[in-house]
Amino acid sequence: MWTYQGKRIREGRAWKNADGIQHPTSWGRWSDDEKVAAGLVWVDPPASFDNRFYWDANTPKALDDVNAVDEDGNPVLEDGEQMVILGLKSQWKATIKAQAGGLLAPTDWMVIKASEVDSYSVSSTVLTHRAAIRTASNTIESAIDGAADHTAFMALFDAPVDSDGNVTGNAPIADWPTEI
């Protein structure tokens, strides 16, 4: 991308240099030499990266929780307690727990009613489905805990494919039972 004094110059838009000279919207048609003569500098665009797993193209997010420290390496305390920066594993396990809760919520009333009303019982289909949700949550959380490195963790987000490239199932991080 072309920049002028560190600021990105967008093609199709006019721009002014430090002397106040207005350059036309057609500057993108100039040769590279003309652009450089006008003070523009080519800067390679930043490498793409998956912001679920990386802060930038070269900096992966921590998988495990990290104790927060200040610029001098001293512990950062909140109310006298060590602050902890949650790693990807903790963040995603919390997400999985919330998803499981959301999947269980539509039938929670049945379980509550059955615990309060002697004459009411929850169907075995519903109980089996709820058990499958809890099992899936535990399985997904175990897979998250078992990811030894970023490659293994990111693989949890890849759906299985057959030899023709067709998706054949859910990604391990989203392998929930189907609805009742």
N, C-alpha and C. Protein backbone atom coordinates (compact mmCIF):
# COMPACT_ATOMS: atom_id res chain seq x y z
N MET A 1 0.86 -1.17 0.00
CA MET A 1 0.00 0.00 0.00
C MET A 1 0.90 1.23 0.00
N TRP A 2 0.41 2.28 -0.59
CA TRP A 2 1.19 3.52 -0.67
C TRP A 2 0.89 4.38 0.55
N THR A 3 1.95 4.97 1.10
CA THR A 3 1.81 5.84 2.26
C THR A 3 2.52 7.17 2.00
N TYR A 4 2.10 8.16 2.74
CA TYR A 4 2.79 9.45 2.71
C TYR A 4 3.01 9.87 4.16
N GLN A 5 4.25 10.02 4.53
CA GLN A 5 4.64 10.37 5.91
C GLN A 5 3.94 9.44 6.92
N GLY A 6 3.95 8.15 6.60
CA GLY A 6 3.42 7.14 7.50
C GLY A 6 1.91 6.96 7.46
N LYS A 7 1.22 7.77 6.66
CA LYS A 7 -0.24 7.67 6.58
C LYS A 7 -0.62 7.00 5.26
N ARG A 8 -1.53 6.05 5.34
CA ARG A 8 -1.97 5.34 4.14
C ARG A 8 -2.70 6.28 3.20
N ILE A 9 -2.34 6.22 1.93
CA ILE A 9 -3.01 7.01 0.90
C ILE A 9 -3.86 6.05 0.09
N ARG A 10 -5.13 6.30 0.04
CA ARG A 10 -6.07 5.40 -0.63
C ARG A 10 -6.22 5.78 -2.10
N GLU A 11 -6.17 4.75 -2.95
CA GLU A 11 -6.37 5.00 -4.37
C GLU A 11 -7.78 5.51 -4.61
N GLY A 12 -7.90 6.40 -5.57
CA GLY A 12 -9.21 6.97 -5.89
C GLY A 12 -9.56 8.16 -5.02
N ARG A 13 -8.65 8.57 -4.14
CA ARG A 13 -8.88 9.73 -3.28
C ARG A 13 -7.73 10.72 -3.44
N ALA A 14 -8.08 11.97 -3.46
CA ALA A 14 -7.05 13.01 -3.52
C ALA A 14 -6.31 13.08 -2.19
N TRP A 15 -5.10 13.61 -2.21
CA TRP A 15 -4.32 13.77 -0.98
C TRP A 15 -3.43 15.00 -1.10
N LYS A 16 -3.06 15.55 0.05
CA LYS A 16 -2.19 16.72 0.10
C LYS A 16 -0.85 16.32 0.69
N ASN A 17 0.20 16.93 0.15
CA ASN A 17 1.52 16.68 0.74
C ASN A 17 1.78 17.73 1.81
N ALA A 18 2.98 17.69 2.42
CA ALA A 18 3.31 18.59 3.52
C ALA A 18 3.33 20.06 3.09
N ASP A 19 3.54 20.31 1.80
CA ASP A 19 3.55 21.69 1.29
C ASP A 19 2.15 22.19 0.94
N GLY A 20 1.15 21.34 1.16
CA GLY A 20 -0.22 21.73 0.88
C GLY A 20 -0.64 21.52 -0.57
N ILE A 21 0.21 20.87 -1.33
CA ILE A 21 -0.13 20.61 -2.73
C ILE A 21 -1.14 19.46 -2.79
N GLN A 22 -2.25 19.75 -3.46
CA GLN A 22 -3.31 18.76 -3.61
C GLN A 22 -2.99 17.87 -4.81
N HIS A 23 -2.98 16.56 -4.58
CA HIS A 23 -2.75 15.61 -5.67
C HIS A 23 -4.09 15.02 -6.08
N PRO A 24 -4.27 14.73 -7.36
CA PRO A 24 -5.59 14.32 -7.86
C PRO A 24 -5.98 12.90 -7.45
N THR A 25 -7.26 12.61 -7.62
CA THR A 25 -7.76 11.28 -7.32
C THR A 25 -7.18 10.24 -8.26
N SER A 26 -6.65 10.67 -9.37
CA SER A 26 -6.09 9.75 -10.37
C SER A 26 -4.62 9.42 -10.11
N TRP A 27 -4.08 9.79 -8.96
CA TRP A 27 -2.66 9.55 -8.68
C TRP A 27 -2.31 8.06 -8.78
N GLY A 28 -3.28 7.17 -8.61
CA GLY A 28 -3.03 5.73 -8.67
C GLY A 28 -2.54 5.28 -10.03
N ARG A 29 -2.77 6.10 -11.07
CA ARG A 29 -2.32 5.75 -12.42
C ARG A 29 -0.88 6.15 -12.68
N TRP A 30 -0.29 6.91 -11.75
CA TRP A 30 1.09 7.32 -11.92
C TRP A 30 2.00 6.09 -11.91
N SER A 31 3.16 6.22 -12.52
CA SER A 31 4.15 5.15 -12.44
C SER A 31 4.70 5.13 -11.01
N ASP A 32 5.32 4.02 -10.65
CA ASP A 32 5.91 3.93 -9.31
C ASP A 32 6.95 5.02 -9.11
N ASP A 33 7.72 5.35 -10.14
CA ASP A 33 8.73 6.41 -10.02
C ASP A 33 8.08 7.76 -9.74
N GLU A 34 6.92 8.03 -10.41
CA GLU A 34 6.22 9.29 -10.17
C GLU A 34 5.67 9.34 -8.74
N LYS A 35 5.20 8.22 -8.26
CA LYS A 35 4.68 8.17 -6.89
C LYS A 35 5.79 8.45 -5.89
N VAL A 36 6.93 7.81 -6.10
CA VAL A 36 8.08 8.02 -5.20
C VAL A 36 8.54 9.46 -5.27
N ALA A 37 8.57 10.06 -6.48
CA ALA A 37 8.98 11.45 -6.64
C ALA A 37 8.03 12.40 -5.90
N ALA A 38 6.77 12.00 -5.76
CA ALA A 38 5.79 12.83 -5.05
C ALA A 38 5.87 12.61 -3.54
N GLY A 39 6.76 11.72 -3.08
CA GLY A 39 6.93 11.49 -1.66
C GLY A 39 6.22 10.27 -1.11
N LEU A 40 5.59 9.50 -2.00
CA LEU A 40 4.90 8.30 -1.55
C LEU A 40 5.90 7.17 -1.31
N VAL A 41 5.58 6.33 -0.36
CA VAL A 41 6.44 5.20 -0.01
C VAL A 41 5.58 3.94 -0.04
N TRP A 42 6.09 2.89 -0.69
CA TRP A 42 5.38 1.62 -0.72
C TRP A 42 5.66 0.86 0.57
N VAL A 43 4.62 0.41 1.23
CA VAL A 43 4.74 -0.41 2.43
C VAL A 43 3.92 -1.66 2.18
N ASP A 44 4.55 -2.82 2.34
CA ASP A 44 3.80 -4.07 2.18
C ASP A 44 2.69 -4.12 3.20
N PRO A 45 1.50 -4.51 2.77
CA PRO A 45 0.40 -4.61 3.75
C PRO A 45 0.72 -5.67 4.79
N PRO A 46 0.16 -5.53 5.98
CA PRO A 46 0.44 -6.53 7.01
C PRO A 46 -0.07 -7.90 6.58
N ALA A 47 0.65 -8.91 7.01
CA ALA A 47 0.26 -10.28 6.70
C ALA A 47 -1.10 -10.57 7.33
N SER A 48 -1.89 -11.37 6.66
CA SER A 48 -3.19 -11.73 7.22
C SER A 48 -2.98 -12.74 8.36
N PHE A 49 -3.93 -12.76 9.27
CA PHE A 49 -3.86 -13.68 10.40
C PHE A 49 -5.27 -13.89 10.94
N ASP A 50 -5.44 -14.97 11.66
CA ASP A 50 -6.73 -15.29 12.25
C ASP A 50 -6.77 -14.69 13.65
N ASN A 51 -7.56 -13.64 13.83
CA ASN A 51 -7.54 -12.93 15.11
C ASN A 51 -8.20 -13.71 16.25
N ARG A 52 -8.72 -14.88 15.97
CA ARG A 52 -9.18 -15.72 17.07
C ARG A 52 -7.99 -16.30 17.83
N PHE A 53 -6.87 -16.45 17.13
CA PHE A 53 -5.72 -17.15 17.70
C PHE A 53 -4.45 -16.30 17.80
N TYR A 54 -4.42 -15.18 17.08
CA TYR A 54 -3.21 -14.36 17.02
C TYR A 54 -3.54 -12.89 17.28
N TRP A 55 -2.59 -12.19 17.93
CA TRP A 55 -2.70 -10.74 18.10
C TRP A 55 -2.34 -10.04 16.80
N ASP A 56 -1.33 -10.56 16.11
CA ASP A 56 -0.93 -10.11 14.79
C ASP A 56 -0.33 -11.31 14.08
N ALA A 57 0.19 -11.11 12.88
CA ALA A 57 0.65 -12.26 12.09
C ALA A 57 1.77 -13.04 12.76
N ASN A 58 2.48 -12.40 13.69
CA ASN A 58 3.63 -13.06 14.33
C ASN A 58 3.46 -13.32 15.81
N THR A 59 2.33 -12.92 16.39
CA THR A 59 2.18 -13.02 17.84
C THR A 59 0.95 -13.85 18.20
N PRO A 60 1.17 -15.12 18.56
CA PRO A 60 0.02 -15.93 18.97
C PRO A 60 -0.50 -15.49 20.34
N LYS A 61 -1.81 -15.65 20.53
CA LYS A 61 -2.40 -15.40 21.84
C LYS A 61 -2.02 -16.57 22.75
N ALA A 62 -1.88 -16.29 24.03
CA ALA A 62 -1.50 -17.33 24.99
C ALA A 62 -2.60 -18.38 25.10
N LEU A 63 -2.20 -19.64 25.10
CA LEU A 63 -3.17 -20.72 25.29
C LEU A 63 -3.58 -20.83 26.74
N ASP A 64 -2.62 -20.66 27.64
CA ASP A 64 -2.87 -20.84 29.06
C ASP A 64 -2.96 -19.48 29.76
N ASP A 65 -3.58 -19.46 30.92
CA ASP A 65 -3.70 -18.24 31.71
C ASP A 65 -2.32 -17.75 32.10
N VAL A 66 -2.19 -16.42 32.20
CA VAL A 66 -0.92 -15.79 32.54
C VAL A 66 -1.17 -14.77 33.64
N ASN A 67 -0.30 -14.76 34.64
CA ASN A 67 -0.40 -13.73 35.67
C ASN A 67 -0.04 -12.39 35.07
N ALA A 68 -0.86 -11.38 35.31
CA ALA A 68 -0.62 -10.04 34.78
C ALA A 68 0.54 -9.39 35.54
N VAL A 69 1.43 -8.74 34.78
CA VAL A 69 2.55 -8.01 35.37
C VAL A 69 2.63 -6.64 34.71
N ASP A 70 3.22 -5.68 35.43
CA ASP A 70 3.39 -4.35 34.86
C ASP A 70 4.66 -4.32 34.02
N GLU A 71 5.01 -3.12 33.50
CA GLU A 71 6.17 -3.00 32.62
C GLU A 71 7.49 -3.33 33.32
N ASP A 72 7.50 -3.32 34.66
CA ASP A 72 8.71 -3.68 35.41
C ASP A 72 8.72 -5.15 35.83
N GLY A 73 7.69 -5.88 35.43
CA GLY A 73 7.61 -7.30 35.78
C GLY A 73 7.00 -7.57 37.13
N ASN A 74 6.45 -6.54 37.78
CA ASN A 74 5.82 -6.71 39.08
C ASN A 74 4.38 -7.19 38.91
N PRO A 75 3.89 -8.03 39.81
CA PRO A 75 2.52 -8.52 39.70
C PRO A 75 1.51 -7.37 39.72
N VAL A 76 0.49 -7.47 38.90
CA VAL A 76 -0.60 -6.51 38.90
C VAL A 76 -1.68 -7.08 39.81
N LEU A 77 -2.04 -6.30 40.83
CA LEU A 77 -3.02 -6.75 41.81
C LEU A 77 -4.32 -5.99 41.65
N GLU A 78 -5.42 -6.68 41.92
CA GLU A 78 -6.72 -6.05 41.97
C GLU A 78 -7.37 -6.49 43.26
N ASP A 79 -7.67 -5.53 44.14
CA ASP A 79 -8.21 -5.83 45.46
C ASP A 79 -7.30 -6.80 46.21
N GLY A 80 -6.00 -6.64 46.02
CA GLY A 80 -5.03 -7.46 46.72
C GLY A 80 -4.78 -8.83 46.11
N GLU A 81 -5.48 -9.15 45.05
CA GLU A 81 -5.34 -10.45 44.39
C GLU A 81 -4.61 -10.30 43.06
N GLN A 82 -3.79 -11.29 42.74
CA GLN A 82 -3.08 -11.31 41.46
C GLN A 82 -4.09 -11.33 40.31
N MET A 83 -3.95 -10.39 39.38
CA MET A 83 -4.80 -10.40 38.19
C MET A 83 -4.28 -11.47 37.24
N VAL A 84 -5.19 -12.15 36.60
CA VAL A 84 -4.85 -13.21 35.65
C VAL A 84 -5.45 -12.85 34.30
N ILE A 85 -4.62 -12.97 33.27
CA ILE A 85 -5.10 -12.78 31.90
C ILE A 85 -5.47 -14.15 31.38
N LEU A 86 -6.74 -14.32 31.07
CA LEU A 86 -7.21 -15.63 30.63
C LEU A 86 -6.66 -15.98 29.26
N GLY A 87 -6.16 -17.19 29.13
CA GLY A 87 -5.67 -17.69 27.86
C GLY A 87 -6.82 -18.21 27.01
N LEU A 88 -6.49 -18.59 25.79
CA LEU A 88 -7.51 -19.09 24.87
C LEU A 88 -8.26 -20.29 25.42
N LYS A 89 -7.56 -21.16 26.12
CA LYS A 89 -8.22 -22.35 26.66
C LYS A 89 -9.31 -21.96 27.65
N SER A 90 -9.01 -21.09 28.58
CA SER A 90 -10.02 -20.66 29.56
C SER A 90 -11.16 -19.90 28.89
N GLN A 91 -10.82 -19.05 27.95
CA GLN A 91 -11.85 -18.28 27.25
C GLN A 91 -12.81 -19.21 26.50
N TRP A 92 -12.25 -20.18 25.80
CA TRP A 92 -13.10 -21.07 25.01
C TRP A 92 -13.86 -22.06 25.89
N LYS A 93 -13.29 -22.48 27.00
CA LYS A 93 -14.04 -23.36 27.90
C LYS A 93 -15.24 -22.61 28.47
N ALA A 94 -15.08 -21.33 28.77
CA ALA A 94 -16.21 -20.52 29.24
C ALA A 94 -17.26 -20.40 28.14
N THR A 95 -16.82 -20.23 26.91
CA THR A 95 -17.75 -20.16 25.78
C THR A 95 -18.52 -21.46 25.63
N ILE A 96 -17.83 -22.58 25.76
CA ILE A 96 -18.48 -23.90 25.63
C ILE A 96 -19.50 -24.10 26.74
N LYS A 97 -19.14 -23.71 27.96
CA LYS A 97 -20.09 -23.82 29.08
C LYS A 97 -21.34 -22.98 28.80
N ALA A 98 -21.15 -21.77 28.27
CA ALA A 98 -22.29 -20.91 27.96
C ALA A 98 -23.14 -21.52 26.85
N GLN A 99 -22.49 -22.10 25.84
CA GLN A 99 -23.25 -22.74 24.76
C GLN A 99 -24.05 -23.92 25.30
N ALA A 100 -23.42 -24.73 26.17
CA ALA A 100 -24.13 -25.86 26.76
C ALA A 100 -25.33 -25.36 27.56
N GLY A 101 -25.13 -24.31 28.33
CA GLY A 101 -26.24 -23.73 29.09
C GLY A 101 -27.37 -23.28 28.19
N GLY A 102 -27.01 -22.68 27.06
CA GLY A 102 -28.02 -22.24 26.10
C GLY A 102 -28.77 -23.41 25.48
N LEU A 103 -28.06 -24.51 25.25
CA LEU A 103 -28.72 -25.69 24.68
C LEU A 103 -29.62 -26.40 25.70
N LEU A 104 -29.25 -26.33 26.97
CA LEU A 104 -30.05 -26.95 28.03
C LEU A 104 -31.25 -26.08 28.43
N ALA A 105 -31.13 -24.78 28.27
CA ALA A 105 -32.15 -23.84 28.76
C ALA A 105 -33.57 -24.14 28.29
N PRO A 106 -33.78 -24.51 27.02
CA PRO A 106 -35.17 -24.73 26.61
C PRO A 106 -35.89 -25.86 27.36
N THR A 107 -35.14 -26.77 27.94
CA THR A 107 -35.80 -27.87 28.67
C THR A 107 -35.60 -27.76 30.19
N ASP A 108 -34.95 -26.72 30.64
CA ASP A 108 -34.74 -26.54 32.09
C ASP A 108 -36.07 -26.52 32.84
N TRP A 109 -37.06 -25.88 32.26
CA TRP A 109 -38.35 -25.77 32.95
C TRP A 109 -38.93 -27.15 33.25
N MET A 110 -38.68 -28.10 32.35
CA MET A 110 -39.21 -29.45 32.56
C MET A 110 -38.56 -30.11 33.78
N VAL A 111 -37.26 -29.93 33.90
CA VAL A 111 -36.52 -30.51 35.03
C VAL A 111 -36.95 -29.84 36.33
N ILE A 112 -37.12 -28.54 36.27
CA ILE A 112 -37.55 -27.81 37.47
C ILE A 112 -38.96 -28.24 37.88
N LYS A 113 -39.84 -28.33 36.90
CA LYS A 113 -41.22 -28.73 37.20
C LYS A 113 -41.25 -30.14 37.80
N ALA A 114 -40.45 -31.04 37.23
CA ALA A 114 -40.42 -32.42 37.73
C ALA A 114 -39.90 -32.48 39.16
N SER A 115 -39.02 -31.53 39.52
CA SER A 115 -38.51 -31.53 40.89
C SER A 115 -39.51 -30.92 41.87
N GLU A 116 -40.46 -30.16 41.37
CA GLU A 116 -41.43 -29.48 42.23
C GLU A 116 -42.81 -30.14 42.24
N VAL A 117 -43.16 -30.85 41.19
CA VAL A 117 -44.50 -31.44 41.07
C VAL A 117 -44.36 -32.95 40.98
N ASP A 118 -44.89 -33.63 41.98
CA ASP A 118 -44.75 -35.09 42.05
C ASP A 118 -45.34 -35.81 40.85
N SER A 119 -46.40 -35.28 40.29
CA SER A 119 -47.09 -35.99 39.20
C SER A 119 -46.47 -35.72 37.83
N TYR A 120 -45.41 -34.91 37.77
CA TYR A 120 -44.81 -34.57 36.48
C TYR A 120 -43.47 -35.27 36.34
N SER A 121 -43.19 -35.79 35.15
CA SER A 121 -41.87 -36.38 34.89
C SER A 121 -41.38 -35.93 33.52
N VAL A 122 -40.09 -35.89 33.39
CA VAL A 122 -39.46 -35.49 32.13
C VAL A 122 -39.31 -36.72 31.26
N SER A 123 -39.60 -36.57 29.98
CA SER A 123 -39.51 -37.71 29.06
C SER A 123 -38.07 -38.21 28.95
N SER A 124 -37.93 -39.48 28.66
CA SER A 124 -36.59 -40.06 28.51
C SER A 124 -35.87 -39.44 27.33
N THR A 125 -36.60 -39.02 26.30
CA THR A 125 -35.99 -38.37 25.14
C THR A 125 -35.30 -37.08 25.56
N VAL A 126 -36.00 -36.29 26.36
CA VAL A 126 -35.44 -35.02 26.84
C VAL A 126 -34.24 -35.29 27.75
N LEU A 127 -34.38 -36.23 28.67
CA LEU A 127 -33.27 -36.54 29.59
C LEU A 127 -32.05 -37.05 28.82
N THR A 128 -32.26 -37.87 27.81
CA THR A 128 -31.16 -38.39 26.99
C THR A 128 -30.48 -37.25 26.24
N HIS A 129 -31.28 -36.35 25.69
CA HIS A 129 -30.72 -35.20 24.96
C HIS A 129 -29.91 -34.30 25.90
N ARG A 130 -30.43 -34.05 27.08
CA ARG A 130 -29.70 -33.21 28.05
C ARG A 130 -28.38 -33.88 28.44
N ALA A 131 -28.40 -35.18 28.63
CA ALA A 131 -27.18 -35.91 28.97
C ALA A 131 -26.18 -35.82 27.82
N ALA A 132 -26.67 -35.89 26.58
CA ALA A 132 -25.78 -35.80 25.41
C ALA A 132 -25.13 -34.41 25.33
N ILE A 133 -25.87 -33.39 25.69
CA ILE A 133 -25.32 -32.02 25.70
C ILE A 133 -24.21 -31.92 26.74
N ARG A 134 -24.46 -32.43 27.94
CA ARG A 134 -23.44 -32.38 28.99
C ARG A 134 -22.21 -33.20 28.60
N THR A 135 -22.42 -34.36 27.98
CA THR A 135 -21.30 -35.19 27.53
C THR A 135 -20.50 -34.46 26.46
N ALA A 136 -21.20 -33.85 25.51
CA ALA A 136 -20.51 -33.11 24.45
C ALA A 136 -19.70 -31.96 25.03
N SER A 137 -20.28 -31.25 26.00
CA SER A 137 -19.56 -30.14 26.65
C SER A 137 -18.28 -30.65 27.31
N ASN A 138 -18.40 -31.74 28.04
CA ASN A 138 -17.22 -32.31 28.70
C ASN A 138 -16.17 -32.77 27.68
N THR A 139 -16.62 -33.37 26.59
CA THR A 139 -15.70 -33.84 25.55
C THR A 139 -14.98 -32.66 24.90
N ILE A 140 -15.71 -31.60 24.58
CA ILE A 140 -15.11 -30.42 23.95
C ILE A 140 -14.12 -29.77 24.92
N GLU A 141 -14.51 -29.62 26.18
CA GLU A 141 -13.60 -29.02 27.16
C GLU A 141 -12.34 -29.86 27.34
N SER A 142 -12.48 -31.18 27.32
CA SER A 142 -11.30 -32.06 27.43
C SER A 142 -10.40 -31.89 26.21
N ALA A 143 -11.00 -31.74 25.03
CA ALA A 143 -10.19 -31.52 23.82
C ALA A 143 -9.45 -30.20 23.89
N ILE A 144 -10.11 -29.18 24.44
CA ILE A 144 -9.46 -27.88 24.61
C ILE A 144 -8.27 -28.03 25.56
N ASP A 145 -8.50 -28.66 26.71
CA ASP A 145 -7.42 -28.87 27.67
C ASP A 145 -6.28 -29.70 27.08
N GLY A 146 -6.62 -30.63 26.19
CA GLY A 146 -5.63 -31.53 25.63
C GLY A 146 -4.81 -30.94 24.49
N ALA A 147 -5.19 -29.77 24.01
CA ALA A 147 -4.43 -29.15 22.92
C ALA A 147 -3.06 -28.71 23.45
N ALA A 148 -2.02 -29.33 22.94
CA ALA A 148 -0.67 -29.11 23.45
C ALA A 148 -0.03 -27.82 22.93
N ASP A 149 -0.50 -27.34 21.79
CA ASP A 149 0.09 -26.14 21.20
C ASP A 149 -0.95 -25.44 20.32
N HIS A 150 -0.56 -24.32 19.72
CA HIS A 150 -1.49 -23.56 18.88
C HIS A 150 -2.02 -24.38 17.71
N THR A 151 -1.17 -25.17 17.11
CA THR A 151 -1.60 -25.98 15.96
C THR A 151 -2.71 -26.93 16.39
N ALA A 152 -2.52 -27.62 17.50
CA ALA A 152 -3.53 -28.55 17.99
C ALA A 152 -4.80 -27.80 18.40
N PHE A 153 -4.65 -26.64 19.02
CA PHE A 153 -5.81 -25.86 19.44
C PHE A 153 -6.60 -25.39 18.21
N MET A 154 -5.91 -24.86 17.21
CA MET A 154 -6.59 -24.37 16.01
C MET A 154 -7.27 -25.51 15.25
N ALA A 155 -6.72 -26.71 15.34
CA ALA A 155 -7.32 -27.86 14.66
C ALA A 155 -8.71 -28.17 15.21
N LEU A 156 -8.99 -27.76 16.44
CA LEU A 156 -10.32 -27.98 17.02
C LEU A 156 -11.40 -27.23 16.26
N PHE A 157 -11.02 -26.24 15.49
CA PHE A 157 -11.97 -25.40 14.76
C PHE A 157 -12.16 -25.87 13.31
N ASP A 158 -11.44 -26.92 12.92
CA ASP A 158 -11.51 -27.43 11.55
C ASP A 158 -12.51 -28.58 11.47
N ALA A 159 -13.50 -28.42 10.61
CA ALA A 159 -14.47 -29.49 10.38
C ALA A 159 -13.80 -30.59 9.55
N PRO A 160 -14.13 -31.85 9.83
CA PRO A 160 -13.55 -32.93 9.03
C PRO A 160 -14.07 -32.88 7.59
N VAL A 161 -13.19 -33.23 6.66
CA VAL A 161 -13.57 -33.26 5.25
C VAL A 161 -13.16 -34.59 4.64
N ASP A 162 -13.88 -35.00 3.61
CA ASP A 162 -13.52 -36.23 2.93
C ASP A 162 -12.50 -35.94 1.84
N SER A 163 -12.13 -36.95 1.08
CA SER A 163 -11.08 -36.79 0.07
C SER A 163 -11.49 -35.83 -1.05
N ASP A 164 -12.79 -35.58 -1.20
CA ASP A 164 -13.27 -34.64 -2.21
C ASP A 164 -13.39 -33.22 -1.67
N GLY A 165 -13.05 -33.03 -0.41
CA GLY A 165 -13.14 -31.71 0.20
C GLY A 165 -14.50 -31.37 0.76
N ASN A 166 -15.38 -32.34 0.85
CA ASN A 166 -16.72 -32.11 1.41
C ASN A 166 -16.69 -32.25 2.93
N VAL A 167 -17.34 -31.33 3.60
CA VAL A 167 -17.41 -31.37 5.06
C VAL A 167 -18.26 -32.58 5.47
N THR A 168 -17.70 -33.36 6.40
CA THR A 168 -18.39 -34.60 6.79
C THR A 168 -18.88 -34.59 8.23
N GLY A 169 -18.73 -33.49 8.91
CA GLY A 169 -19.17 -33.42 10.30
C GLY A 169 -18.89 -32.05 10.87
N ASN A 170 -19.03 -31.95 12.17
CA ASN A 170 -18.79 -30.68 12.86
C ASN A 170 -17.33 -30.58 13.29
N ALA A 171 -16.85 -29.36 13.39
CA ALA A 171 -15.53 -29.14 13.99
C ALA A 171 -15.60 -29.62 15.44
N PRO A 172 -14.52 -30.16 15.98
CA PRO A 172 -14.57 -30.65 17.36
C PRO A 172 -15.05 -29.59 18.37
N ILE A 173 -14.75 -28.32 18.13
CA ILE A 173 -15.14 -27.27 19.06
C ILE A 173 -16.65 -27.01 19.01
N ALA A 174 -17.33 -27.54 17.98
CA ALA A 174 -18.76 -27.28 17.81
C ALA A 174 -19.53 -28.58 17.59
N ASP A 175 -19.07 -29.65 18.17
CA ASP A 175 -19.70 -30.95 17.93
C ASP A 175 -20.78 -31.21 18.97
N TRP A 176 -21.89 -30.52 18.81
CA TRP A 176 -23.04 -30.63 19.73
C TRP A 176 -24.05 -31.60 19.15
N PRO A 177 -24.84 -32.24 20.03
CA PRO A 177 -25.91 -33.11 19.52
C PRO A 177 -26.95 -32.29 18.78
N THR A 178 -27.62 -32.95 17.85
CA THR A 178 -28.67 -32.26 17.10
C THR A 178 -29.88 -32.05 18.02
N GLU A 179 -30.76 -31.19 17.60
CA GLU A 179 -31.95 -30.90 18.42
C GLU A 179 -32.82 -32.13 18.57
N ILE A 180 -33.64 -32.09 19.61
CA ILE A 180 -34.55 -33.21 19.90
C ILE A 180 -35.52 -33.37 18.75
